[in-house]
Protein backbone atom coordinates (compact mmCIF):
# COMPACT_ATOMS: atom_id res chain seq x y z
CA MET A 1 15.20 -18.12 42.28
CA ALA A 2 14.63 -21.64 40.62
CA GLU A 3 16.33 -23.21 43.28
CA ALA A 4 14.14 -21.74 45.99
CA MET A 5 11.00 -22.79 43.65
CA CYS A 6 12.33 -26.17 43.70
CA GLN A 7 12.61 -26.24 47.39
CA ALA A 8 9.45 -24.88 48.11
CA THR A 9 7.33 -26.89 45.54
CA GLY A 10 9.37 -30.22 44.94
CA LEU A 11 9.16 -29.26 41.19
CA PRO A 12 11.74 -30.45 38.79
CA PRO A 13 14.31 -27.69 38.19
CA ALA A 14 13.18 -27.07 34.47
CA VAL A 15 9.60 -26.49 35.47
CA ALA A 16 10.59 -24.32 38.48
CA GLY A 17 12.65 -22.05 36.00
CA VAL A 18 9.79 -21.58 33.83
CA LEU A 19 7.52 -20.52 36.62
CA VAL A 20 10.12 -18.16 37.89
CA GLN A 21 10.19 -16.44 34.47
CA ARG A 22 6.73 -16.16 34.46
CA GLY A 23 6.41 -14.44 37.78
CA VAL A 24 4.65 -17.21 39.56
CA ALA A 25 5.31 -17.47 43.33
CA PRO A 26 5.77 -20.76 45.08
CA GLU A 27 2.24 -20.52 46.55
CA GLY A 28 0.65 -20.07 43.01
CA ALA A 29 2.48 -22.86 41.25
CA GLU A 30 -0.04 -25.46 41.99
CA ALA A 31 -2.76 -23.57 40.69
CA TYR A 32 -0.56 -22.47 37.57
CA LEU A 33 0.31 -25.69 36.60
CA ALA A 34 -3.34 -27.03 36.71
CA PRO A 35 -5.47 -23.98 35.73
CA ALA A 36 -8.96 -24.83 36.69
CA LEU A 37 -11.91 -23.48 34.39
CA ARG A 38 -14.15 -23.28 37.49
CA ASP A 39 -11.82 -20.80 39.21
CA LEU A 40 -10.82 -18.75 36.34
CA LEU A 41 -14.01 -18.65 34.22
CA PRO A 42 -15.37 -14.86 34.58
CA ASP A 43 -18.79 -14.20 35.21
CA PRO A 44 -20.13 -13.85 31.90
CA MET A 45 -22.64 -10.84 33.11
CA SER A 46 -19.35 -8.80 33.63
CA LEU A 47 -19.44 -7.83 30.23
CA ARG A 48 -21.58 -5.13 29.05
CA ASP A 49 -24.53 -6.01 26.86
CA MET A 50 -24.41 -9.73 27.92
CA GLU A 51 -27.92 -9.73 29.41
CA PRO A 52 -29.88 -8.43 26.39
CA ALA A 53 -27.56 -10.83 24.13
CA ALA A 54 -28.25 -13.83 26.05
CA GLU A 55 -32.08 -12.86 26.45
CA ARG A 56 -32.83 -12.19 22.62
CA PHE A 57 -30.62 -15.30 21.72
CA LEU A 58 -32.75 -17.50 24.06
CA ALA A 59 -36.01 -15.77 22.90
CA ALA A 60 -35.09 -16.72 19.37
CA VAL A 61 -34.40 -20.54 20.25
CA LYS A 62 -37.46 -20.84 22.23
CA SER A 63 -39.94 -19.42 19.43
CA ARG A 64 -38.05 -21.24 16.87
CA GLN A 65 -37.09 -17.95 14.91
CA ARG A 66 -34.80 -17.90 11.87
CA ILE A 67 -31.29 -17.24 13.09
CA ALA A 68 -28.37 -16.43 10.85
CA ILE A 69 -24.49 -16.56 11.94
CA PHE A 70 -22.56 -14.06 10.08
CA ALA A 71 -18.59 -14.92 10.80
CA ASP A 72 -15.09 -13.78 9.61
CA TYR A 73 -13.47 -16.11 7.51
CA ASP A 74 -10.49 -16.99 9.85
CA VAL A 75 -10.21 -19.68 12.34
CA ASP A 76 -11.65 -17.55 15.31
CA GLY A 77 -14.43 -16.56 13.14
CA GLY A 78 -14.90 -20.29 12.15
CA ALA A 79 -14.67 -21.59 15.56
CA SER A 80 -17.25 -19.02 16.99
CA ALA A 81 -19.45 -20.23 14.30
CA ALA A 82 -19.08 -23.80 14.90
CA LEU A 83 -19.90 -23.03 18.71
CA LEU A 84 -23.13 -21.74 18.03
CA LEU A 85 -23.97 -24.18 15.19
CA THR A 86 -23.08 -27.06 17.43
CA TRP A 87 -24.99 -25.69 20.39
CA LEU A 88 -28.32 -25.06 18.52
CA ARG A 89 -27.86 -28.25 16.77
CA GLU A 90 -28.06 -30.14 20.05
CA MET A 91 -30.79 -27.85 21.23
CA GLY A 92 -32.77 -29.09 17.91
CA HIS A 93 -32.52 -25.80 15.94
CA GLN A 94 -30.71 -25.03 12.44
CA ALA A 95 -29.07 -21.74 11.56
CA THR A 96 -27.89 -20.06 8.31
CA LEU A 97 -23.82 -19.64 8.24
CA TYR A 98 -22.78 -16.98 6.19
CA ILE A 99 -19.03 -15.99 5.76
CA PRO A 100 -18.08 -13.23 3.41
CA ASP A 101 -15.81 -13.87 0.36
CA ARG A 102 -12.16 -12.40 1.31
CA ILE A 103 -11.99 -11.09 -2.28
CA ASP A 104 -15.53 -9.84 -3.41
CA GLU A 105 -16.66 -8.80 0.08
CA GLY A 106 -13.73 -8.19 2.59
CA TYR A 107 -13.74 -8.30 6.34
CA GLY A 108 -16.88 -8.01 8.30
CA PRO A 109 -20.60 -7.24 7.42
CA ASN A 110 -21.49 -5.50 4.37
CA VAL A 111 -24.55 -3.82 3.48
CA PRO A 112 -25.86 -6.04 0.59
CA ALA A 113 -25.29 -9.42 2.45
CA MET A 114 -27.11 -8.11 5.98
CA ARG A 115 -29.73 -6.84 3.88
CA GLU A 116 -30.26 -10.22 2.27
CA LEU A 117 -29.82 -12.09 5.49
CA GLY A 118 -32.19 -9.63 7.49
CA ALA A 119 -34.97 -10.34 4.66
CA THR A 120 -35.05 -13.83 5.39
CA HIS A 121 -34.07 -14.03 9.24
CA ASP A 122 -35.37 -12.96 12.34
CA LEU A 123 -31.86 -12.74 14.24
CA ILE A 124 -28.34 -12.13 12.67
CA ILE A 125 -25.31 -13.14 15.11
CA CYS A 126 -22.26 -11.47 13.95
CA VAL A 127 -19.11 -13.25 15.33
CA ASP A 128 -15.79 -12.20 15.40
CA CYS A 129 -16.78 -8.99 13.36
CA GLY A 130 -19.46 -6.34 13.56
CA THR A 131 -17.99 -3.95 16.17
CA LEU A 132 -17.46 -1.13 13.65
CA SER A 133 -19.88 -2.11 11.22
CA HIS A 134 -22.63 0.73 11.62
CA ASP A 135 -24.29 0.92 8.28
CA PRO A 136 -24.37 -2.97 7.40
CA ILE A 137 -26.00 -3.56 10.77
CA ALA A 138 -28.55 -0.78 10.43
CA ALA A 139 -29.44 -2.34 6.89
CA ALA A 140 -30.12 -5.49 8.60
CA GLY A 141 -33.76 -4.83 9.10
CA CYS A 142 -33.98 -7.30 11.98
CA ASP A 143 -32.24 -7.74 15.36
CA VAL A 144 -28.57 -8.27 15.39
CA LEU A 145 -26.14 -9.41 18.06
CA VAL A 146 -22.28 -8.84 17.89
CA LEU A 147 -19.99 -11.02 19.56
CA ASP A 148 -16.80 -9.91 19.08
CA HIS A 149 -13.43 -8.85 20.26
CA HIS A 150 -11.90 -6.36 18.00
CA LEU A 151 -11.25 -2.86 19.07
CA GLY A 152 -14.36 -0.63 19.24
CA GLY A 153 -14.65 2.82 18.22
CA GLU A 154 -16.34 5.81 20.04
CA ASP A 155 -19.76 4.89 18.88
CA LEU A 156 -21.42 1.36 18.73
CA PRO A 157 -23.32 0.21 15.86
CA PRO A 158 -27.19 -0.04 16.18
CA ALA A 159 -27.09 -3.72 17.37
CA ARG A 160 -29.45 -5.07 20.02
CA ALA A 161 -26.45 -6.08 21.87
CA VAL A 162 -22.82 -5.61 21.51
CA VAL A 163 -20.64 -7.90 23.55
CA ASN A 164 -16.93 -7.17 23.30
CA PRO A 165 -14.44 -7.03 26.13
CA ASN A 166 -12.47 -4.40 23.81
CA ARG A 167 -15.28 -2.02 23.67
CA GLN A 168 -14.29 1.63 24.91
CA ASP A 169 -16.52 1.46 27.74
CA GLU A 170 -14.98 -1.96 29.17
CA ASP A 171 -12.24 -1.96 31.76
CA GLY A 172 -10.12 -4.14 29.65
CA ALA A 173 -9.92 -6.96 32.13
CA LEU A 174 -11.08 -9.54 29.67
CA GLY A 175 -9.32 -7.88 26.56
CA HIS A 176 -7.30 -10.91 26.13
CA LEU A 177 -10.40 -12.96 25.07
CA CYS A 178 -10.48 -14.27 21.51
CA ALA A 179 -14.18 -13.91 19.89
CA ALA A 180 -14.66 -17.59 20.33
CA ALA A 181 -14.19 -17.07 24.13
CA VAL A 182 -16.85 -14.44 24.13
CA VAL A 183 -19.16 -16.70 22.14
CA PHE A 184 -18.56 -19.26 25.09
CA LEU A 185 -19.33 -17.08 27.76
CA MET A 186 -22.63 -15.99 26.18
CA LEU A 187 -23.56 -19.79 25.94
CA VAL A 188 -22.57 -20.31 29.59
CA GLU A 189 -24.88 -17.43 30.60
CA ALA A 190 -27.54 -19.02 27.96
CA ASN A 191 -27.17 -22.61 29.81
CA ARG A 192 -27.49 -20.80 33.14
CA ARG A 193 -30.46 -19.02 32.25
CA LEU A 194 -32.07 -22.75 30.81
CA ARG A 195 -31.27 -24.22 34.12
CA VAL A 196 -33.25 -21.55 36.02
CA ASP A 197 -36.31 -22.59 33.77
CA GLY A 198 -35.62 -26.17 34.40
CA THR A 199 -34.04 -27.29 30.99
CA GLN A 200 -30.93 -28.72 30.73
CA GLY A 201 -28.38 -27.00 28.08
CA PRO A 202 -26.04 -28.57 25.94
CA ASP A 203 -22.53 -29.74 27.30
CA LEU A 204 -20.28 -26.83 26.90
CA MET A 205 -17.18 -28.53 28.21
CA ALA A 206 -17.19 -30.82 25.26
CA MET A 207 -16.91 -27.52 22.89
CA LEU A 208 -13.54 -26.22 24.55
CA ASP A 209 -11.68 -27.73 21.76
CA LEU A 210 -13.13 -25.13 19.66
CA VAL A 211 -12.28 -22.44 21.92
CA ALA A 212 -8.70 -23.61 22.43
CA LEU A 213 -8.12 -23.88 18.71
CA ALA A 214 -9.41 -20.28 18.34
CA THR A 215 -7.35 -19.04 21.05
CA VAL A 216 -4.06 -20.28 19.97
CA ALA A 217 -4.77 -19.45 16.04
CA ASP A 218 -5.57 -16.09 16.83
CA VAL A 219 -2.54 -15.44 19.09
CA ALA A 220 -4.57 -14.51 21.88
CA PRO A 221 -2.44 -14.39 25.01
CA LEU A 222 -2.04 -17.38 27.03
CA ILE A 223 -2.83 -15.82 30.42
CA GLY A 224 -5.76 -16.01 33.12
CA VAL A 225 -8.77 -18.31 31.71
CA ASN A 226 -6.90 -18.47 28.28
CA ARG A 227 -4.79 -21.05 29.89
CA ALA A 228 -7.49 -23.06 31.26
CA PHE A 229 -9.48 -22.72 27.81
CA VAL A 230 -6.51 -24.15 25.67
CA ARG A 231 -5.43 -26.83 28.63
CA GLN A 232 -8.84 -28.25 29.01
CA GLY A 233 -9.48 -27.82 25.36
CA LEU A 234 -6.52 -29.93 24.30
CA VAL A 235 -7.86 -32.87 26.57
CA VAL A 236 -11.27 -32.69 24.74
CA MET A 237 -9.59 -32.68 21.33
CA GLY A 238 -7.33 -35.80 22.41
CA ARG A 239 -10.40 -37.59 22.77
CA ARG A 240 -11.32 -37.48 19.22
CA ASP A 241 -15.01 -36.64 19.51
CA ARG A 242 -15.46 -33.90 16.77
CA PRO A 243 -15.50 -35.22 13.35
CA GLY A 244 -13.84 -32.17 11.67
CA LEU A 245 -10.77 -31.89 13.85
CA VAL A 246 -10.55 -35.77 13.66
CA ALA A 247 -10.33 -35.66 9.86
CA LEU A 248 -8.09 -32.50 10.04
CA THR A 249 -5.65 -34.14 12.49
CA ASP A 250 -5.76 -37.25 10.13
CA VAL A 251 -4.87 -35.45 7.02
CA ALA A 252 -2.15 -33.55 8.78
CA ARG A 253 -0.66 -36.98 9.75
CA LEU A 254 -0.43 -36.08 13.42
CA ASP A 255 0.19 -39.30 15.36
CA ARG A 256 -0.26 -37.96 18.61
CA ALA A 257 -3.00 -35.91 20.44
CA PRO A 258 -2.42 -32.12 19.41
CA ALA A 259 -0.31 -29.87 21.62
CA ALA A 260 -0.91 -25.85 21.56
CA TYR A 261 1.93 -25.89 18.78
CA HIS A 262 0.08 -27.88 16.56
CA LEU A 263 -3.13 -25.50 17.07
CA GLY A 264 -1.20 -22.61 15.68
CA PHE A 265 1.06 -24.33 13.14
CA VAL A 266 -0.45 -27.33 11.75
CA LEU A 267 -4.23 -27.16 12.29
CA GLY A 268 -4.95 -23.59 12.24
CA PRO A 269 -3.36 -22.97 8.86
CA ARG A 270 -5.57 -25.74 7.22
CA VAL A 271 -8.61 -24.29 8.88
CA ASN A 272 -7.56 -20.92 7.54
CA ALA A 273 -7.04 -22.19 4.03
CA GLY A 274 -10.46 -21.89 2.82
CA GLY A 275 -10.79 -18.29 3.68
CA ARG A 276 -7.65 -17.35 2.34
CA ILE A 277 -7.63 -18.75 -1.28
CA GLY A 278 -10.84 -21.08 -1.58
CA ALA A 279 -14.53 -21.24 -0.24
CA ALA A 280 -14.78 -18.92 2.73
CA ASP A 281 -17.07 -21.17 4.68
CA LEU A 282 -15.07 -24.61 4.50
CA GLY A 283 -13.23 -24.10 8.08
CA ALA A 284 -16.26 -23.41 9.77
CA ARG A 285 -18.49 -26.02 7.97
CA LEU A 286 -15.45 -28.37 8.86
CA LEU A 287 -15.52 -27.40 12.71
CA ALA A 288 -19.35 -27.75 12.85
CA THR A 289 -20.19 -30.76 11.03
CA ALA A 290 -21.36 -34.09 12.99
CA ASP A 291 -20.82 -36.25 9.71
CA PRO A 292 -17.40 -38.07 9.52
CA HIS A 293 -17.74 -38.45 5.83
CA GLU A 294 -18.44 -34.55 5.14
CA ALA A 295 -15.73 -33.89 7.62
CA ALA A 296 -13.24 -36.18 5.60
CA ALA A 297 -14.11 -34.48 2.24
CA LEU A 298 -13.78 -31.11 3.70
CA ALA A 299 -10.58 -31.85 5.33
CA GLN A 300 -9.07 -33.11 2.19
CA ARG A 301 -10.10 -30.18 0.33
CA LEU A 302 -8.54 -27.77 3.20
CA GLU A 303 -5.24 -29.65 2.89
CA GLN A 304 -5.03 -29.23 -0.74
CA LEU A 305 -6.04 -25.42 -0.41
CA ASN A 306 -3.57 -25.21 2.20
CA SER A 307 -0.73 -26.68 -0.36
CA ASP A 308 -1.79 -24.05 -2.99
CA ARG A 309 -1.49 -21.25 -0.44
CA ARG A 310 1.84 -22.29 0.32
CA GLU A 311 2.93 -21.82 -3.36
CA ILE A 312 1.40 -18.47 -3.68
CA GLU A 313 2.63 -17.16 -0.47
CA ALA A 314 6.25 -18.21 -1.33
CA GLY A 315 6.20 -15.83 -4.35
CA VAL A 316 4.58 -13.14 -2.63
CA LEU A 317 6.97 -13.51 0.18
CA ALA A 318 10.08 -13.30 -1.93
CA GLU A 319 9.00 -9.90 -3.46
CA ALA A 320 7.87 -8.57 -0.19
CA MET A 321 11.17 -9.25 1.42
CA ALA A 322 13.05 -7.59 -1.33
CA GLN A 323 10.89 -4.42 -1.18
CA ALA A 324 11.24 -4.43 2.91
CA GLU A 325 15.12 -4.71 2.38
CA ALA A 326 15.34 -2.16 -0.11
CA ARG A 327 13.57 0.27 2.15
CA GLY A 328 15.73 -0.51 5.05
CA SER A 329 15.00 -2.48 8.35
CA GLU A 330 15.58 0.55 10.77
CA ALA A 331 12.32 2.22 10.35
CA PRO A 332 9.59 1.60 13.05
CA LEU A 333 7.44 -0.29 10.37
CA VAL A 334 8.22 -2.62 7.61
CA TRP A 335 5.71 -2.76 4.79
CA ALA A 336 5.63 -3.87 1.28
CA ALA A 337 2.75 -3.73 -1.49
CA GLY A 338 2.52 -5.38 -4.93
CA GLU A 339 0.52 -5.50 -7.81
CA GLY A 340 -2.09 -8.53 -7.76
CA TRP A 341 -0.82 -10.02 -4.56
CA HIS A 342 -3.34 -12.40 -3.25
CA PRO A 343 -5.35 -10.98 -0.14
CA GLY A 344 -5.62 -14.47 1.36
CA VAL A 345 -1.90 -14.61 1.90
CA VAL A 346 -0.71 -10.89 2.76
CA GLY A 347 -1.28 -11.68 6.40
CA ILE A 348 1.08 -14.77 6.68
CA VAL A 349 3.54 -12.65 4.77
CA ALA A 350 3.32 -9.77 7.08
CA ALA A 351 3.80 -12.21 9.77
CA ARG A 352 7.02 -13.37 8.10
CA LEU A 353 8.41 -10.01 7.68
CA LYS A 354 7.45 -9.05 11.37
CA GLU A 355 9.89 -12.28 12.45
CA ALA A 356 12.32 -11.44 10.01
CA PHE A 357 12.61 -7.63 11.18
CA ASN A 358 11.37 -7.62 14.54
CA ARG A 359 9.09 -4.58 13.71
CA PRO A 360 5.42 -4.12 12.90
CA ALA A 361 4.65 -5.10 9.49
CA VAL A 362 2.16 -4.36 6.79
CA VAL A 363 1.79 -6.14 3.45
CA ILE A 364 -0.92 -5.08 1.01
CA GLY A 365 -2.15 -6.29 -2.17
CA LEU A 366 -2.78 -3.73 -4.91
CA ASP A 367 -5.93 -4.01 -7.47
CA GLY A 368 -7.06 -1.00 -9.48
CA GLY A 369 -7.40 2.12 -7.14
CA GLU A 370 -7.30 0.24 -3.96
CA GLY A 371 -4.88 -2.05 -1.74
CA LYS A 372 -6.18 -4.38 0.78
CA GLY A 373 -3.52 -5.30 3.28
CA SER A 374 -2.97 -6.94 6.81
CA ALA A 375 -0.64 -6.13 9.54
CA ARG A 376 1.00 -8.01 12.27
CA SER A 377 2.75 -6.39 15.60
CA VAL A 378 5.32 -7.32 17.97
CA PRO A 379 4.73 -7.35 21.70
CA GLY A 380 4.40 -3.87 23.30
CA VAL A 381 3.09 -2.14 20.27
CA ASP A 382 -0.78 -1.70 19.92
CA LEU A 383 -1.37 -1.76 16.15
CA GLY A 384 -4.93 -2.10 15.85
CA ALA A 385 -5.18 1.45 17.79
CA ALA A 386 -2.88 2.91 15.38
CA VAL A 387 -4.61 1.55 12.31
CA GLN A 388 -7.99 2.50 13.92
CA ARG A 389 -6.66 6.05 14.32
CA ILE A 390 -5.42 6.73 10.72
CA THR A 391 -8.66 5.14 9.60
CA ALA A 392 -10.31 8.24 11.54
CA GLU A 393 -7.88 10.47 9.98
CA GLY A 394 -9.01 9.48 6.62
CA LEU A 395 -5.78 8.11 5.45
CA LEU A 396 -7.45 4.52 5.21
CA LEU A 397 -10.69 3.59 3.73
CA LYS A 398 -11.27 1.02 6.12
CA GLY A 399 -9.37 -0.33 9.17
CA GLY A 400 -9.56 -2.27 12.14
CA GLY A 401 -8.22 -5.24 14.42
CA HIS A 402 -6.62 -5.68 17.81
CA LYS A 403 -3.12 -4.99 19.46
CA MET A 404 -1.32 -8.04 17.41
CA ALA A 405 -3.04 -8.08 14.02
CA ALA A 406 -5.16 -5.65 11.86
CA GLY A 407 -6.62 -5.13 8.41
CA LEU A 408 -7.03 -2.51 6.20
CA THR A 409 -8.03 -1.00 2.95
CA VAL A 410 -6.12 1.97 1.51
CA ALA A 411 -6.51 4.00 -1.70
CA ARG A 412 -3.52 3.85 -4.04
CA GLU A 413 -2.77 7.46 -4.15
CA ALA A 414 -2.87 7.40 -0.27
CA LEU A 415 -0.43 4.39 0.24
CA GLU A 416 2.71 6.02 0.92
CA PRO A 417 1.36 9.09 3.35
CA ALA A 418 -0.78 6.31 5.24
CA MET A 419 2.06 4.05 5.70
CA ALA A 420 4.46 7.27 6.96
CA ARG A 421 1.60 8.18 9.27
CA LEU A 422 1.18 4.66 10.58
CA SER A 423 5.17 4.52 11.14
CA ASP A 424 5.22 7.66 13.02
CA LEU A 425 2.16 6.36 15.28
CA LEU A 426 4.16 3.18 15.95
CA ALA A 427 7.30 4.93 16.57
CA ARG A 428 5.62 7.07 19.51
CA GLN A 429 4.78 3.51 21.07
CA GLY A 430 8.45 2.47 21.09
CA ALA A 431 8.57 0.07 17.67
CA GLY A 432 11.92 0.00 16.10
CA ALA A 433 13.67 1.03 19.14
CA GLU A 434 14.06 -2.36 20.68
CA GLY A 435 17.03 -3.41 18.49
CA PRO A 436 17.76 -7.04 17.78
CA ARG A 437 15.30 -9.63 19.26
CA ASP A 438 15.79 -10.81 22.69
CA LEU A 439 15.98 -14.52 22.78
CA ARG A 440 15.42 -14.67 26.39
CA LEU A 441 17.05 -17.96 27.21
CA ALA A 442 15.95 -20.22 29.84
CA GLY A 443 19.05 -21.99 30.39
CA VAL A 444 22.13 -23.84 28.72
CA LEU A 445 21.65 -27.31 27.63
CA MET A 446 24.24 -30.05 26.11
CA PRO A 447 22.46 -32.15 23.63
CA GLY A 448 22.46 -35.36 25.72
CA ALA A 449 20.55 -33.47 28.46
CA ALA A 450 17.56 -32.91 25.82
CA THR A 451 15.68 -36.17 26.85
CA PRO A 452 11.95 -36.81 26.31
CA THR A 453 11.68 -36.80 30.10
CA LEU A 454 12.91 -33.29 30.34
CA VAL A 455 10.39 -32.17 27.54
CA GLU A 456 7.52 -33.75 29.51
CA GLN A 457 8.53 -31.97 32.52
CA LEU A 458 8.55 -28.59 30.53
CA GLU A 459 5.20 -29.19 29.15
CA ALA A 460 3.53 -29.46 32.58
CA ALA A 461 4.24 -25.52 32.69
CA GLY A 462 2.41 -25.13 29.41
CA PRO A 463 0.40 -24.34 27.31
CA PHE A 464 2.97 -22.35 25.54
CA GLY A 465 1.84 -19.40 22.97
CA ALA A 466 1.43 -15.98 22.83
CA ALA A 467 2.59 -14.01 26.13
CA ALA A 468 3.72 -17.46 27.57
CA PRO A 469 6.40 -18.70 25.03
CA ALA A 470 7.97 -22.02 25.43
CA PRO A 471 11.48 -21.85 26.98
CA ARG A 472 14.01 -21.36 24.65
CA PHE A 473 17.67 -23.00 25.31
CA ALA A 474 21.06 -22.38 24.26
CA LEU A 475 23.28 -25.47 22.93
CA PRO A 476 26.85 -24.27 23.12
CA SER A 477 29.71 -25.28 21.00
CA VAL A 478 27.90 -28.07 19.19
CA LEU A 479 29.29 -29.92 16.01
CA ILE A 480 26.82 -30.52 13.10
CA HIS A 481 27.33 -33.97 11.66
CA HIS A 482 25.13 -33.78 8.85
CA ALA A 483 22.49 -31.13 7.22
CA ARG A 484 19.73 -32.06 4.52
CA ARG A 485 17.29 -29.79 2.87
CA VAL A 486 13.71 -30.70 3.91
CA GLY A 487 11.03 -29.44 1.44
CA GLU A 488 12.03 -25.78 -0.36
CA THR A 489 13.37 -23.86 2.77
CA HIS A 490 13.83 -26.18 5.88
CA LEU A 491 17.02 -27.76 7.09
CA LYS A 492 17.35 -31.10 9.42
CA LEU A 493 20.59 -31.40 11.22
CA SER A 494 22.10 -33.66 13.56
CA VAL A 495 24.45 -32.04 16.01
CA SER A 496 26.20 -33.41 19.47
CA ASP A 497 28.96 -32.11 21.67
CA GLY A 498 31.43 -34.28 20.19
CA THR A 499 31.32 -36.74 22.83
CA GLY A 500 27.78 -37.66 23.90
CA PRO A 501 24.53 -38.59 22.14
CA LYS A 502 23.38 -36.76 18.73
CA LEU A 503 20.29 -34.71 18.93
CA ASP A 504 17.91 -33.87 15.80
CA VAL A 505 17.62 -30.11 15.01
CA ILE A 506 14.82 -28.64 12.58
CA ALA A 507 15.40 -25.37 11.27
CA PHE A 508 12.00 -24.24 9.60
CA ARG A 509 12.22 -21.72 6.77
CA ALA A 510 16.14 -21.42 7.29
CA LEU A 511 16.71 -20.93 3.65
CA ASP A 512 14.85 -17.86 3.61
CA GLY A 513 17.48 -15.95 5.33
CA SER A 514 21.05 -16.01 6.40
CA LEU A 515 20.47 -18.83 8.84
CA GLY A 516 20.64 -21.67 6.23
CA PRO A 517 23.94 -20.59 4.53
CA LEU A 518 25.25 -20.50 8.03
CA LEU A 519 24.43 -23.80 8.85
CA GLU A 520 25.06 -25.53 5.32
CA GLY A 521 28.63 -23.72 5.18
CA HIS A 522 29.63 -24.72 8.86
CA ALA A 523 32.75 -26.57 7.45
CA GLY A 524 33.15 -28.60 10.70
CA ALA A 525 33.47 -25.44 12.93
CA ARG A 526 31.68 -25.51 16.30
CA LEU A 527 28.34 -23.50 16.60
CA HIS A 528 26.06 -22.24 19.20
CA LEU A 529 22.51 -22.99 18.66
CA ALA A 530 19.29 -21.60 20.26
CA GLY A 531 15.72 -22.87 20.00
CA ARG A 532 12.93 -24.61 21.87
CA LEU A 533 12.75 -28.63 22.38
CA ASP A 534 9.63 -30.60 21.15
CA LEU A 535 8.83 -34.39 21.04
CA ASN A 536 9.16 -36.14 17.64
CA HIS A 537 6.99 -39.34 17.54
CA TRP A 538 7.75 -41.48 14.44
CA GLN A 539 7.15 -45.29 13.94
CA GLY A 540 6.57 -46.01 17.62
CA ARG A 541 9.58 -44.26 18.93
CA THR A 542 9.99 -41.06 20.86
CA THR A 543 12.78 -38.65 20.48
CA VAL A 544 13.54 -35.14 21.05
CA GLN A 545 14.31 -32.41 18.35
CA LEU A 546 15.31 -28.72 18.81
CA ARG A 547 13.22 -26.24 16.85
CA LEU A 548 16.22 -24.12 16.03
CA GLU A 549 15.42 -20.13 15.82
CA ASP A 550 19.27 -18.87 15.86
CA ALA A 551 22.97 -20.08 15.48
CA SER A 552 26.20 -18.19 15.85
CA HIS A 553 29.80 -19.27 15.59
CA GLY A 554 31.40 -20.74 18.41
């Protein structure tokens, strides 16, 4: 198949192999490798309630009404808010930003905050939240727009418009969009209406960096228009025009234009740090600011908070892992709950458990009579729908999300039955039945074949992320020349086949599990390695390194 793709398209074998694995036909290769937004962008009006949303939004702008933006505290919420704030600023309009405190207020609109905002504003726009917020929206006392992507219930809240591709009355064709993409589509429609009136709206193409960041950080599948959002958003980001992202890449010591990997694992966690353990609005303010000095100060604060978050996370992870292992790893659901676990890190720890056990995972911090938790899923298991169902059944006080992630609040006495019921629902979807994680190798390489040219060819088939993972290669029967610890849990290796050049290997969090001891205790034995290739830029040199994911004895 790959050979036929090579012959038909003239592409390098490595790229052809990735396209074949993605199910791309030779005639579709060119369009896949260069996803064009003009070809893939859906008509905003295909989404329900888009017309009243864009109409009410523009009416508020034209009549200089007071607008408030109520956003979630994660990257998607912050980027969504920054899109609106940036667009409005370029139209000469200021808006109020409100992001709830994770601990004191929890996720989404709440009655006191909405009532207070409604008393001083004419329009509230809820982004990345609000689809299930019936009472808070009813309490606002002013018009409310909801621009969201979380799963909707049977009834919609009393908002002026609810634009959400995951409403129950939508066909699901755009269900892969994150909230920032939904906001972007509304701004596309707003600009179109302005053009009809003879007015030029802000440059939306310059805002694709925010959509790309949100798409990757929210683990939205990189299919369809999402590929174009990320591919073109990375180009915009490489121009270093947005002060907040420039400051963030600088404090993260990125010496190259960010790739999709950096959005998810370098920049995203730093934007999230404010909402997790600091001031909830720091990330959105950083992404929205036009002042380089303010951006530098905010980025430095987020960098420190991210460092603090890692320390808190390490303690919770150790306890959660011990609980999960004690319960056993064969159940459809892996879960853990602990007294006083910080609500800001339970989502990250749930993701770690999911990766370790290849099962949906829930981690809950208990405080008084309640527990607040986050859940992460594996491909093919709709976690959000299951959480929403047990919420409707009364086992959870609050719950919602999407296929791959969800949040929940549970009464302490209902914890065990709620987790048992959730496990049962997930088992019906096949959770826990897939066995060991399938590495899905793209091919076999010797260390000497892992060249910068090969990696650059592979990146042409990107961006890589959810539903479009970077190709994973096996390196058979290699020797480890040295292994040293980096930080508290990572390992840095140098490997070769014994005759050719050496290859650098990084094994993130290897010491959290069995992989670290295997690598450190190799005793000269040959090992089979599996991982993904990446370019490492250091002091003007570009080299290849393998991001190790698994290993076994040769």
